[in-house]
PDB file of N, CA and C in Angstrom:
ATOM      1  N   MET A   1      30.744 -30.515   9.938  1.00  0.00           N
ATOM      2  CA  MET A   1      29.887 -29.758  10.826  1.00  0.00           C
ATOM      3  C   MET A   1      28.994 -28.830   9.984  1.00  0.00           C
ATOM      4  N   PRO A   2      27.669 -28.887  10.193  1.00  0.00           N
ATOM      5  CA  PRO A   2      26.775 -28.065   9.368  1.00  0.00           C
ATOM      6  C   PRO A   2      26.954 -26.582   9.662  1.00  0.00           C
ATOM      7  N   ARG A   3      26.808 -25.804   8.603  1.00  0.00           N
ATOM      8  CA  ARG A   3      26.947 -24.357   8.715  1.00  0.00           C
ATOM      9  C   ARG A   3      25.673 -23.765   9.302  1.00  0.00           C
ATOM     10  N   THR A   4      25.809 -22.869  10.268  1.00  0.00           N
ATOM     11  CA  THR A   4      24.631 -22.209  10.823  1.00  0.00           C
ATOM     12  C   THR A   4      24.218 -21.064   9.911  1.00  0.00           C
ATOM     13  N   ARG A   5      22.937 -20.778   9.887  1.00  0.00           N
ATOM     14  CA  ARG A   5      22.422 -19.729   9.024  1.00  0.00           C
ATOM     15  C   ARG A   5      22.640 -18.363   9.666  1.00  0.00           C
ATOM     16  N   ALA A   6      22.951 -17.389   8.824  1.00  0.00           N
ATOM     17  CA  ALA A   6      23.186 -16.030   9.306  1.00  0.00           C
ATOM     18  C   ALA A   6      21.890 -15.425   9.815  1.00  0.00           C
ATOM     19  N   ARG A   7      21.979 -14.649  10.886  1.00  0.00           N
ATOM     20  CA  ARG A   7      20.838 -13.929  11.426  1.00  0.00           C
ATOM     21  C   ARG A   7      21.187 -12.456  11.522  1.00  0.00           C
ATOM     22  N   ARG A   8      20.209 -11.606  11.256  1.00  0.00           N
ATOM     23  CA  ARG A   8      20.401 -10.165  11.317  1.00  0.00           C
ATOM     24  C   ARG A   8      19.199  -9.542  12.030  1.00  0.00           C
ATOM     25  N   VAL A   9      19.439  -8.381  12.647  1.00  0.00           N
ATOM     26  CA  VAL A   9      18.375  -7.611  13.271  1.00  0.00           C
ATOM     27  C   VAL A   9      18.309  -6.273  12.556  1.00  0.00           C
ATOM     28  N   GLY A  10      17.105  -5.863  12.150  1.00  0.00           N
ATOM     29  CA  GLY A  10      16.953  -4.603  11.432  1.00  0.00           C
ATOM     30  C   GLY A  10      15.551  -4.041  11.565  1.00  0.00           C
ATOM     31  N   ARG A  11      15.331  -2.890  10.920  1.00  0.00           N
ATOM     32  CA  ARG A  11      14.044  -2.203  10.946  1.00  0.00           C
ATOM     33  C   ARG A  11      13.281  -2.432   9.645  1.00  0.00           C
ATOM     34  N   VAL A  12      11.985  -2.623   9.746  1.00  0.00           N
ATOM     35  CA  VAL A  12      11.134  -2.794   8.572  1.00  0.00           C
ATOM     36  C   VAL A  12      10.923  -1.419   7.936  1.00  0.00           C
ATOM     37  N   THR A  13      11.259  -1.302   6.655  1.00  0.00           N
ATOM     38  CA  THR A  13      11.074  -0.039   5.942  1.00  0.00           C
ATOM     39  C   THR A  13       9.880  -0.087   5.007  1.00  0.00           C
ATOM     40  N   SER A  14       9.411  -1.279   4.649  1.00  0.00           N
ATOM     41  CA  SER A  14       8.243  -1.395   3.784  1.00  0.00           C
ATOM     42  C   SER A  14       7.542  -2.724   4.042  1.00  0.00           C
ATOM     43  N   ASP A  15       6.206  -2.661   4.035  1.00  0.00           N
ATOM     44  CA  ASP A  15       5.408  -3.882   4.190  1.00  0.00           C
ATOM     45  C   ASP A  15       4.291  -3.923   3.145  1.00  0.00           C
ATOM     46  N   ARG A  16       4.501  -3.236   2.026  1.00  0.00           N
ATOM     47  CA  ARG A  16       3.457  -3.099   1.010  1.00  0.00           C
ATOM     48  C   ARG A  16       3.165  -4.407   0.276  1.00  0.00           C
ATOM     49  N   ALA A  17       4.179  -5.204   0.025  1.00  0.00           N
ATOM     50  CA  ALA A  17       3.974  -6.444  -0.725  1.00  0.00           C
ATOM     51  C   ALA A  17       3.334  -7.512   0.165  1.00  0.00           C
ATOM     52  N   ASP A  18       2.612  -8.424  -0.452  1.00  0.00           N
ATOM     53  CA  ASP A  18       1.967  -9.507   0.278  1.00  0.00           C
ATOM     54  C   ASP A  18       3.004 -10.531   0.711  1.00  0.00           C
ATOM     55  N   LYS A  19       3.043 -10.830   2.015  1.00  0.00           N
ATOM     56  CA  LYS A  19       3.946 -11.816   2.614  1.00  0.00           C
ATOM     57  C   LYS A  19       5.423 -11.472   2.436  1.00  0.00           C
ATOM     58  N   THR A  20       5.740 -10.203   2.207  1.00  0.00           N
ATOM     59  CA  THR A  20       7.124  -9.774   2.045  1.00  0.00           C
ATOM     60  C   THR A  20       7.330  -8.467   2.791  1.00  0.00           C
ATOM     61  N   ILE A  21       8.470  -8.355   3.477  1.00  0.00           N
ATOM     62  CA  ILE A  21       8.859  -7.106   4.114  1.00  0.00           C
ATOM     63  C   ILE A  21      10.241  -6.731   3.630  1.00  0.00           C
ATOM     64  N   ILE A  22      10.530  -5.437   3.643  1.00  0.00           N
ATOM     65  CA  ILE A  22      11.867  -4.968   3.317  1.00  0.00           C
ATOM     66  C   ILE A  22      12.484  -4.472   4.613  1.00  0.00           C
ATOM     67  N   VAL A  23      13.639  -5.038   4.946  1.00  0.00           N
ATOM     68  CA  VAL A  23      14.300  -4.763   6.213  1.00  0.00           C
ATOM     69  C   VAL A  23      15.624  -4.054   5.939  1.00  0.00           C
ATOM     70  N   GLU A  24      15.862  -2.962   6.666  1.00  0.00           N
ATOM     71  CA  GLU A  24      17.140  -2.259   6.570  1.00  0.00           C
ATOM     72  C   GLU A  24      18.009  -2.702   7.737  1.00  0.00           C
ATOM     73  N   VAL A  25      19.152  -3.302   7.400  1.00  0.00           N
ATOM     74  CA  VAL A  25      20.094  -3.798   8.396  1.00  0.00           C
ATOM     75  C   VAL A  25      21.300  -2.870   8.398  1.00  0.00           C
ATOM     76  N   GLU A  26      21.682  -2.426   9.574  1.00  0.00           N
ATOM     77  CA  GLU A  26      22.787  -1.484   9.701  1.00  0.00           C
ATOM     78  C   GLU A  26      23.947  -2.147  10.425  1.00  0.00           C
ATOM     79  N   SER A  27      25.160  -1.932   9.913  1.00  0.00           N
ATOM     80  CA  SER A  27      26.348  -2.451  10.571  1.00  0.00           C
ATOM     81  C   SER A  27      27.458  -1.413  10.466  1.00  0.00           C
ATOM     82  N   ILE A  28      28.482  -1.571  11.272  1.00  0.00           N
ATOM     83  CA  ILE A  28      29.607  -0.638  11.256  1.00  0.00           C
ATOM     84  C   ILE A  28      30.841  -1.407  10.807  1.00  0.00           C
ATOM     85  N   ARG A  29      31.492  -0.892   9.775  1.00  0.00           N
ATOM     86  CA  ARG A  29      32.708  -1.499   9.214  1.00  0.00           C
ATOM     87  C   ARG A  29      33.826  -0.471   9.234  1.00  0.00           C
ATOM     88  N   ARG A  30      35.038  -0.927   9.157  1.00  0.00           N
ATOM     89  CA  ARG A  30      36.169  -0.005   9.036  1.00  0.00           C
ATOM     90  C   ARG A  30      36.453   0.247   7.563  1.00  0.00           C
ATOM     91  N   HIS A  31      36.677   1.508   7.227  1.00  0.00           N
ATOM     92  CA  HIS A  31      37.018   1.865   5.859  1.00  0.00           C
ATOM     93  C   HIS A  31      38.363   1.232   5.509  1.00  0.00           C
ATOM     94  N   ALA A  32      38.483   0.685   4.296  1.00  0.00           N
ATOM     95  CA  ALA A  32      39.678  -0.062   3.899  1.00  0.00           C
ATOM     96  C   ALA A  32      40.945   0.796   3.918  1.00  0.00           C
ATOM     97  N   ILE A  33      40.850   2.052   3.522  1.00  0.00           N
ATOM     98  CA  ILE A  33      42.040   2.898   3.447  1.00  0.00           C
ATOM     99  C   ILE A  33      42.181   3.778   4.677  1.00  0.00           C
ATOM    100  N   TYR A  34      41.115   4.468   5.051  1.00  0.00           N
ATOM    101  CA  TYR A  34      41.198   5.459   6.124  1.00  0.00           C
ATOM    102  C   TYR A  34      41.011   4.885   7.514  1.00  0.00           C
ATOM    103  N   ARG A  35      40.587   3.637   7.633  1.00  0.00           N
ATOM    104  CA  ARG A  35      40.427   2.931   8.901  1.00  0.00           C
ATOM    105  C   ARG A  35      39.415   3.585   9.839  1.00  0.00           C
ATOM    106  N   LYS A  36      38.583   4.448   9.308  1.00  0.00           N
ATOM    107  CA  LYS A  36      37.551   5.094  10.113  1.00  0.00           C
ATOM    108  C   LYS A  36      36.299   4.216  10.116  1.00  0.00           C
ATOM    109  N   PRO A  37      35.597   4.107  11.247  1.00  0.00           N
ATOM    110  CA  PRO A  37      34.355   3.338  11.248  1.00  0.00           C
ATOM    111  C   PRO A  37      33.307   3.998  10.340  1.00  0.00           C
ATOM    112  N   VAL A  38      32.694   3.185   9.483  1.00  0.00           N
ATOM    113  CA  VAL A  38      31.708   3.672   8.529  1.00  0.00           C
ATOM    114  C   VAL A  38      30.425   2.883   8.725  1.00  0.00           C
ATOM    115  N   ARG A  39      29.298   3.581   8.740  1.00  0.00           N
ATOM    116  CA  ARG A  39      27.999   2.934   8.881  1.00  0.00           C
ATOM    117  C   ARG A  39      27.570   2.407   7.506  1.00  0.00           C
ATOM    118  N   VAL A  40      27.256   1.124   7.440  1.00  0.00           N
ATOM    119  CA  VAL A  40      26.842   0.484   6.190  1.00  0.00           C
ATOM    120  C   VAL A  40      25.402   0.016   6.358  1.00  0.00           C
ATOM    121  N   ARG A  41      24.542   0.406   5.408  1.00  0.00           N
ATOM    122  CA  ARG A  41      23.138  -0.012   5.451  1.00  0.00           C
ATOM    123  C   ARG A  41      22.843  -0.878   4.247  1.00  0.00           C
ATOM    124  N   ARG A  42      22.142  -1.983   4.489  1.00  0.00           N
ATOM    125  CA  ARG A  42      21.724  -2.877   3.414  1.00  0.00           C
ATOM    126  C   ARG A  42      20.224  -3.086   3.534  1.00  0.00           C
ATOM    127  N   THR A  43      19.551  -3.207   2.414  1.00  0.00           N
ATOM    128  CA  THR A  43      18.126  -3.532   2.432  1.00  0.00           C
ATOM    129  C   THR A  43      17.955  -4.964   1.941  1.00  0.00           C
ATOM    130  N   LEU A  44      17.241  -5.736   2.733  1.00  0.00           N
ATOM    131  CA  LEU A  44      17.028  -7.148   2.433  1.00  0.00           C
ATOM    132  C   LEU A  44      15.535  -7.418   2.378  1.00  0.00           C
ATOM    133  N   MET A  45      15.126  -8.253   1.444  1.00  0.00           N
ATOM    134  CA  MET A  45      13.734  -8.675   1.371  1.00  0.00           C
ATOM    135  C   MET A  45      13.580  -9.962   2.169  1.00  0.00           C
ATOM    136  N   ALA A  46      12.558  -9.994   3.023  1.00  0.00           N
ATOM    137  CA  ALA A  46      12.344 -11.154   3.881  1.00  0.00           C
ATOM    138  C   ALA A  46      10.906 -11.651   3.762  1.00  0.00           C
ATOM    139  N   HIS A  47      10.733 -12.948   3.970  1.00  0.00           N
ATOM    140  CA  HIS A  47       9.420 -13.587   3.890  1.00  0.00           C
ATOM    141  C   HIS A  47       8.697 -13.443   5.223  1.00  0.00           C
ATOM    142  N   ASP A  48       7.497 -12.883   5.194  1.00  0.00           N
ATOM    143  CA  ASP A  48       6.648 -12.706   6.368  1.00  0.00           C
ATOM    144  C   ASP A  48       5.329 -13.428   6.074  1.00  0.00           C
ATOM    145  N   PRO A  49       5.226 -14.732   6.369  1.00  0.00           N
ATOM    146  CA  PRO A  49       4.084 -15.528   5.898  1.00  0.00           C
ATOM    147  C   PRO A  49       2.718 -15.084   6.420  1.00  0.00           C
ATOM    148  N   HIS A  50       2.670 -14.444   7.592  1.00  0.00           N
ATOM    149  CA  HIS A  50       1.382 -14.074   8.171  1.00  0.00           C
ATOM    150  C   HIS A  50       1.123 -12.567   8.118  1.00  0.00           C
ATOM    151  N   ASN A  51       1.967 -11.818   7.415  1.00  0.00           N
ATOM    152  CA  ASN A  51       1.840 -10.354   7.308  1.00  0.00           C
ATOM    153  C   ASN A  51       1.707  -9.698   8.678  1.00  0.00           C
ATOM    154  N   THR A  52       2.576 -10.077   9.617  1.00  0.00           N
ATOM    155  CA  THR A  52       2.503  -9.567  10.981  1.00  0.00           C
ATOM    156  C   THR A  52       3.268  -8.272  11.185  1.00  0.00           C
ATOM    157  N   CYS A  53       4.235  -7.963  10.337  1.00  0.00           N
ATOM    158  CA  CYS A  53       5.108  -6.809  10.551  1.00  0.00           C
ATOM    159  C   CYS A  53       4.522  -5.542   9.951  1.00  0.00           C
ATOM    160  N   ARG A  54       4.858  -4.425  10.568  1.00  0.00           N
ATOM    161  CA  ARG A  54       4.479  -3.105  10.093  1.00  0.00           C
ATOM    162  C   ARG A  54       5.732  -2.245   9.997  1.00  0.00           C
ATOM    163  N   ILE A  55       5.628  -1.134   9.300  1.00  0.00           N
ATOM    164  CA  ILE A  55       6.775  -0.241   9.131  1.00  0.00           C
ATOM    165  C   ILE A  55       7.240   0.250  10.493  1.00  0.00           C
ATOM    166  N   GLY A  56       8.546   0.201  10.704  1.00  0.00           N
ATOM    167  CA  GLY A  56       9.141   0.669  11.958  1.00  0.00           C
ATOM    168  C   GLY A  56       9.420  -0.430  12.956  1.00  0.00           C
ATOM    169  N   ASP A  57       8.851  -1.621  12.765  1.00  0.00           N
ATOM    170  CA  ASP A  57       9.123  -2.732  13.682  1.00  0.00           C
ATOM    171  C   ASP A  57      10.587  -3.147  13.593  1.00  0.00           C
ATOM    172  N   GLN A  58      11.140  -3.545  14.730  1.00  0.00           N
ATOM    173  CA  GLN A  58      12.484  -4.113  14.734  1.00  0.00           C
ATOM    174  C   GLN A  58      12.318  -5.627  14.707  1.00  0.00           C
ATOM    175  N   VAL A  59      12.951  -6.275  13.719  1.00  0.00           N
ATOM    176  CA  VAL A  59      12.735  -7.702  13.501  1.00  0.00           C
ATOM    177  C   VAL A  59      14.065  -8.447  13.404  1.00  0.00           C
ATOM    178  N   GLU A  60      13.977  -9.744  13.654  1.00  0.00           N
ATOM    179  CA  GLU A  60      15.122 -10.629  13.457  1.00  0.00           C
ATOM    180  C   GLU A  60      14.809 -11.507  12.251  1.00  0.00           C
ATOM    181  N   ILE A  61      15.755 -11.564  11.308  1.00  0.00           N
ATOM    182  CA  ILE A  61      15.576 -12.364  10.107  1.00  0.00           C
ATOM    183  C   ILE A  61      16.707 -13.371   9.995  1.00  0.00           C
ATOM    184  N   GLU A  62      16.443 -14.437   9.242  1.00  0.00           N
ATOM    185  CA  GLU A  62      17.423 -15.506   9.081  1.00  0.00           C
ATOM    186  C   GLU A  62      17.572 -15.845   7.605  1.00  0.00           C
ATOM    187  N   GLU A  63      18.765 -16.195   7.222  1.00  0.00           N
ATOM    188  CA  GLU A  63      19.068 -16.604   5.861  1.00  0.00           C
ATOM    189  C   GLU A  63      18.258 -17.866   5.521  1.00  0.00           C
ATOM    190  N   SER A  64      17.803 -17.954   4.272  1.00  0.00           N
ATOM    191  CA  SER A  64      17.059 -19.149   3.860  1.00  0.00           C
ATOM    192  C   SER A  64      17.342 -19.443   2.393  1.00  0.00           C
ATOM    193  N   ARG A  65      16.701 -20.470   1.901  1.00  0.00           N
ATOM    194  CA  ARG A  65      16.838 -20.785   0.482  1.00  0.00           C
ATOM    195  C   ARG A  65      16.171 -19.679  -0.322  1.00  0.00           C
ATOM    196  N   PRO A  66      16.481 -19.543  -1.605  1.00  0.00           N
ATOM    197  CA  PRO A  66      15.824 -18.512  -2.409  1.00  0.00           C
ATOM    198  C   PRO A  66      14.310 -18.752  -2.490  1.00  0.00           C
ATOM    199  N   LEU A  67      13.543 -17.729  -2.109  1.00  0.00           N
ATOM    200  CA  LEU A  67      12.083 -17.823  -2.151  1.00  0.00           C
ATOM    201  C   LEU A  67      11.507 -17.111  -3.367  1.00  0.00           C
ATOM    202  N   SER A  68      12.256 -16.172  -3.914  1.00  0.00           N
ATOM    203  CA  SER A  68      11.884 -15.489  -5.150  1.00  0.00           C
ATOM    204  C   SER A  68      13.174 -14.887  -5.713  1.00  0.00           C
ATOM    205  N   ARG A  69      13.050 -14.024  -6.690  1.00  0.00           N
ATOM    206  CA  ARG A  69      14.241 -13.490  -7.349  1.00  0.00           C
ATOM    207  C   ARG A  69      15.157 -12.751  -6.374  1.00  0.00           C
ATOM    208  N   ARG A  70      14.589 -11.941  -5.483  1.00  0.00           N
ATOM    209  CA  ARG A  70      15.409 -11.153  -4.563  1.00  0.00           C
ATOM    210  C   ARG A  70      15.209 -11.517  -3.103  1.00  0.00           C
ATOM    211  N   LYS A  71      14.312 -12.429  -2.800  1.00  0.00           N
ATOM    212  CA  LYS A  71      13.985 -12.754  -1.407  1.00  0.00           C
ATOM    213  C   LYS A  71      14.754 -13.987  -0.952  1.00  0.00           C
ATOM    214  N   ARG A  72      15.733 -13.773  -0.040  1.00  0.00           N
ATOM    215  CA  ARG A  72      16.574 -14.859   0.471  1.00  0.00           C
ATOM    216  C   ARG A  72      16.601 -14.917   1.991  1.00  0.00           C
ATOM    217  N   TRP A  73      15.699 -14.220   2.636  1.00  0.00           N
ATOM    218  CA  TRP A  73      15.648 -14.177   4.098  1.00  0.00           C
ATOM    219  C   TRP A  73      14.225 -14.459   4.546  1.00  0.00           C
ATOM    220  N   ARG A  74      14.066 -14.891   5.812  1.00  0.00           N
ATOM    221  CA  ARG A  74      12.732 -15.110   6.359  1.00  0.00           C
ATOM    222  C   ARG A  74      12.656 -14.536   7.775  1.00  0.00           C
ATOM    223  N   LEU A  75      11.461 -14.137   8.134  1.00  0.00           N
ATOM    224  CA  LEU A  75      11.212 -13.538   9.442  1.00  0.00           C
ATOM    225  C   LEU A  75      11.293 -14.608  10.526  1.00  0.00           C
ATOM    226  N   ILE A  76      12.052 -14.304  11.592  1.00  0.00           N
ATOM    227  CA  ILE A  76      12.146 -15.218  12.727  1.00  0.00           C
ATOM    228  C   ILE A  76      11.308 -14.687  13.892  1.00  0.00           C
ATOM    229  N   ASP A  77      11.485 -13.390  14.211  1.00  0.00           N
ATOM    230  CA  ASP A  77      10.823 -12.836  15.384  1.00  0.00           C
ATOM    231  C   ASP A  77      10.678 -11.328  15.245  1.00  0.00           C
ATOM    232  N   VAL A  78       9.606 -10.793  15.823  1.00  0.00           N
ATOM    233  CA  VAL A  78       9.460  -9.342  15.939  1.00  0.00           C
ATOM    234  C   VAL A  78      10.036  -8.971  17.294  1.00  0.00           C
ATOM    235  N   VAL A  79      11.163  -8.283  17.282  1.00  0.00           N
ATOM    236  CA  VAL A  79      11.855  -7.933  18.523  1.00  0.00           C
ATOM    237  C   VAL A  79      11.123  -6.811  19.241  1.00  0.00           C
ATOM    238  N   GLU A  80      10.724  -5.777  18.492  1.00  0.00           N
ATOM    239  CA  GLU A  80      10.064  -4.620  19.092  1.00  0.00           C
ATOM    240  C   GLU A  80       9.065  -4.039  18.104  1.00  0.00           C
ATOM    241  N   ARG A  81       7.864  -3.776  18.580  1.00  0.00           N
ATOM    242  CA  ARG A  81       6.830  -3.175  17.741  1.00  0.00           C
ATOM    243  C   ARG A  81       7.051  -1.673  17.653  1.00  0.00           C
ATOM    244  N   ALA A  82       6.699  -1.084  16.510  1.00  0.00           N
ATOM    245  CA  ALA A  82       6.818   0.355  16.322  1.00  0.00           C
ATOM    246  C   ALA A  82       5.715   1.053  17.119  1.00  0.00           C
ATOM    247  N   GLN A  83       6.074   2.169  17.725  1.00  0.00           N
ATOM    248  CA  GLN A  83       5.103   2.967  18.468  1.00  0.00           C
ATOM    249  C   GLN A  83       4.582   4.067  17.556  1.00  0.00           C
ATOM    250  N   LEU A  84       3.295   4.080  17.286  1.00  0.00           N
ATOM    251  CA  LEU A  84       2.694   5.100  16.448  1.00  0.00           C
ATOM    252  C   LEU A  84       2.266   6.282  17.304  1.00  0.00           C
ATOM    253  N   THR A  85       2.491   7.490  16.797  1.00  0.00           N
ATOM    254  CA  THR A  85       1.984   8.672  17.468  1.00  0.00           C
ATOM    255  C   THR A  85       0.485   8.763  17.202  1.00  0.00           C
ATOM    256  N   ALA A  86      -0.189   9.652  17.909  1.00  0.00           N
ATOM    257  CA  ALA A  86      -1.632   9.804  17.736  1.00  0.00           C
ATOM    258  C   ALA A  86      -1.963  10.239  16.310  1.00  0.00           C
ATOM    259  N   GLU A  87      -1.132  11.131  15.738  1.00  0.00           N
ATOM    260  CA  GLU A  87      -1.358  11.594  14.367  1.00  0.00           C
ATOM    261  C   GLU A  87      -1.189  10.449  13.369  1.00  0.00           C
ATOM    262  N   GLU A  88      -0.127   9.647  13.550  1.00  0.00           N
ATOM    263  CA  GLU A  88       0.117   8.525  12.642  1.00  0.00           C
ATOM    264  C   GLU A  88      -1.009   7.505  12.745  1.00  0.00           C
ATOM    265  N   HIS A  89      -1.481   7.247  13.970  1.00  0.00           N
ATOM    266  CA  HIS A  89      -2.562   6.289  14.175  1.00  0.00           C
ATOM    267  C   HIS A  89      -3.840   6.769  13.481  1.00  0.00           C
ATOM    268  N   ALA A  90      -4.158   8.059  13.614  1.00  0.00           N
ATOM    269  CA  ALA A  90      -5.352   8.615  12.974  1.00  0.00           C
ATOM    270  C   ALA A  90      -5.231   8.543  11.451  1.00  0.00           C
ATOM    271  N   ALA A  91      -4.042   8.857  10.929  1.00  0.00           N
ATOM    272  CA  ALA A  91      -3.839   8.802   9.481  1.00  0.00           C
ATOM    273  C   ALA A  91      -3.965   7.375   8.965  1.00  0.00           C
ATOM    274  N   ALA A  92      -3.420   6.402   9.692  1.00  0.00           N
ATOM    275  CA  ALA A  92      -3.486   5.002   9.273  1.00  0.00           C
ATOM    276  C   ALA A  92      -4.931   4.504   9.287  1.00  0.00           C
ATOM    277  N   SER A  93      -5.697   4.871  10.319  1.00  0.00           N
ATOM    278  CA  SER A  93      -7.091   4.419  10.376  1.00  0.00           C
ATOM    279  C   SER A  93      -7.928   5.095   9.290  1.00  0.00           C
ATOM    280  N   ALA A  94      -7.643   6.369   8.990  1.00  0.00           N
ATOM    281  CA  ALA A  94      -8.365   7.063   7.919  1.00  0.00           C
ATOM    282  C   ALA A  94      -8.057   6.424   6.567  1.00  0.00           C
ATOM    283  N   LEU A  95      -6.801   6.057   6.370  1.00  0.00           N
ATOM    284  CA  LEU A  95      -6.405   5.404   5.120  1.00  0.00           C
ATOM    285  C   LEU A  95      -7.090   4.048   4.975  1.00  0.00           C
ATOM    286  N   ALA A  96      -7.156   3.283   6.068  1.00  0.00           N
ATOM    287  CA  ALA A  96      -7.816   1.978   6.019  1.00  0.00           C
ATOM    288  C   ALA A  96      -9.298   2.133   5.719  1.00  0.00           C
ATOM    289  N   THR A  97      -9.937   3.149   6.299  1.00  0.00           N
ATOM    290  CA  THR A  97     -11.354   3.399   6.044  1.00  0.00           C
ATOM    291  C   THR A  97     -11.578   3.789   4.590  1.00  0.00           C
ATOM    292  N   ALA A  98     -10.704   4.654   4.066  1.00  0.00           N
ATOM    293  CA  ALA A  98     -10.826   5.079   2.670  1.00  0.00           C
ATOM    294  C   ALA A  98     -10.643   3.895   1.719  1.00  0.00           C
ATOM    295  N   ASP A  99      -9.694   3.015   2.035  1.00  0.00           N
ATOM    296  CA  ASP A  99      -9.487   1.822   1.212  1.00  0.00           C
ATOM    297  C   ASP A  99     -10.706   0.916   1.230  1.00  0.00           C
ATOM    298  N   ALA A 100     -11.313   0.745   2.403  1.00  0.00           N
ATOM    299  CA  ALA A 100     -12.500  -0.109   2.513  1.00  0.00           C
ATOM    300  C   ALA A 100     -13.666   0.488   1.728  1.00  0.00           C
ATOM    301  N   ASP A 101     -13.827   1.817   1.795  1.00  0.00           N
ATOM    302  CA  ASP A 101     -14.896   2.470   1.034  1.00  0.00           C
ATOM    303  C   ASP A 101     -14.665   2.319  -0.459  1.00  0.00           C
ATOM    304  N   ALA A 102     -13.420   2.479  -0.885  1.00  0.00           N
ATOM    305  CA  ALA A 102     -13.107   2.362  -2.312  1.00  0.00           C
ATOM    306  C   ALA A 102     -13.364   0.940  -2.807  1.00  0.00           C
ATOM    307  N   ASP A 103     -13.004  -0.052  -2.011  1.00  0.00           N
ATOM    308  CA  ASP A 103     -13.229  -1.447  -2.414  1.00  0.00           C
ATOM    309  C   ASP A 103     -14.719  -1.762  -2.464  1.00  0.00           C
ATOM    310  N   GLY A 104     -15.491  -1.249  -1.501  1.00  0.00           N
ATOM    311  CA  GLY A 104     -16.930  -1.501  -1.476  1.00  0.00           C
ATOM    312  C   GLY A 104     -17.627  -0.892  -2.666  1.00  0.00           C
ATOM    313  N   GLY A 105     -17.206   0.302  -3.061  1.00  0.00           N
ATOM    314  CA  GLY A 105     -17.796   0.952  -4.225  1.00  0.00           C
ATOM    315  C   GLY A 105     -17.496   0.194  -5.497  1.00  0.00           C
ATOM    316  N   ALA A 106     -16.320  -0.376  -5.597  1.00  0.00           N
ATOM    317  CA  ALA A 106     -15.957  -1.144  -6.787  1.00  0.00           C
ATOM    318  C   ALA A 106     -16.809  -2.407  -6.886  1.00  0.00           C
ATOM    319  N   ASP A 107     -17.082  -3.032  -5.738  1.00  0.00           N
ATOM    320  CA  ASP A 107     -17.906  -4.241  -5.743  1.00  0.00           C
ATOM    321  C   ASP A 107     -19.328  -3.931  -6.188  1.00  0.00           C
ATOM    322  N   GLN A 108     -19.857  -2.788  -5.721  1.00  0.00           N
ATOM    323  CA  GLN A 108     -21.227  -2.434  -6.096  1.00  0.00           C
ATOM    324  C   GLN A 108     -21.314  -2.127  -7.584  1.00  0.00           C
ATOM    325  N   ARG A 109     -20.325  -1.408  -8.118  1.00  0.00           N
ATOM    326  CA  ARG A 109     -20.339  -1.103  -9.544  1.00  0.00           C
ATOM    327  C   ARG A 109     -20.242  -2.379 -10.362  1.00  0.00           C
ATOM    328  N   GLN A 110     -19.384  -3.300  -9.918  1.00  0.00           N
ATOM    329  CA  GLN A 110     -19.214  -4.541 -10.660  1.00  0.00           C
ATOM    330  C   GLN A 110     -20.503  -5.369 -10.645  1.00  0.00           C
ATOM    331  N   ALA A 111     -21.192  -5.402  -9.492  1.00  0.00           N
ATOM    332  CA  ALA A 111     -22.456  -6.143  -9.408  1.00  0.00           C
ATOM    333  C   ALA A 111     -23.495  -5.526 -10.334  1.00  0.00           C
ATOM    334  N   GLY A 112     -23.502  -4.176 -10.451  1.00  0.00           N
ATOM    335  CA  GLY A 112     -24.452  -3.495 -11.335  1.00  0.00           C
ATOM    336  C   GLY A 112     -24.193  -3.810 -12.792  1.00  0.00           C
ATOM    337  N   GLU A 113     -22.923  -3.973 -13.173  1.00  0.00           N
ATOM    338  CA  GLU A 113     -22.582  -4.273 -14.561  1.00  0.00           C
ATOM    339  C   GLU A 113     -23.019  -5.690 -14.939  1.00  0.00           C
ATOM    340  N   GLU A 114     -22.949  -6.617 -13.990  1.00  0.00           N
ATOM    341  CA  GLU A 114     -23.309  -8.003 -14.260  1.00  0.00           C
ATOM    342  C   GLU A 114     -24.811  -8.157 -14.480  1.00  0.00           C
ATOM    343  N   ALA A 115     -25.612  -7.313 -13.820  1.00  0.00           N
ATOM    344  CA  ALA A 115     -27.085  -7.430 -13.903  1.00  0.00           C
ATOM    345  C   ALA A 115     -27.604  -6.897 -15.197  1.00  0.00           C
TER     346      ALA A 115
END
């Protein structure tokens, strides 16, 4: 009987890398000696082929073949999108605008050097 692949649900903590997200998965285990429930957090790197996830999203990931040195999981579904506050939304849009301006200036300087 074929083995089913493990699935986990967690929160995206980073989406900086291209086509990769870092997901924090939380589970509760019993301590080996004291038998008290202990919260265990693991960070897993998962493949996000379309760069759809953002920080704070709750996602479902599935075990897969090794895709890189540390990436052994892939994105299955976005369970819940993160809700941005008005301040966070304004900061994110300002950052995107600043990045676009910085990239445009670099292109103009590079074109001037070629001429």
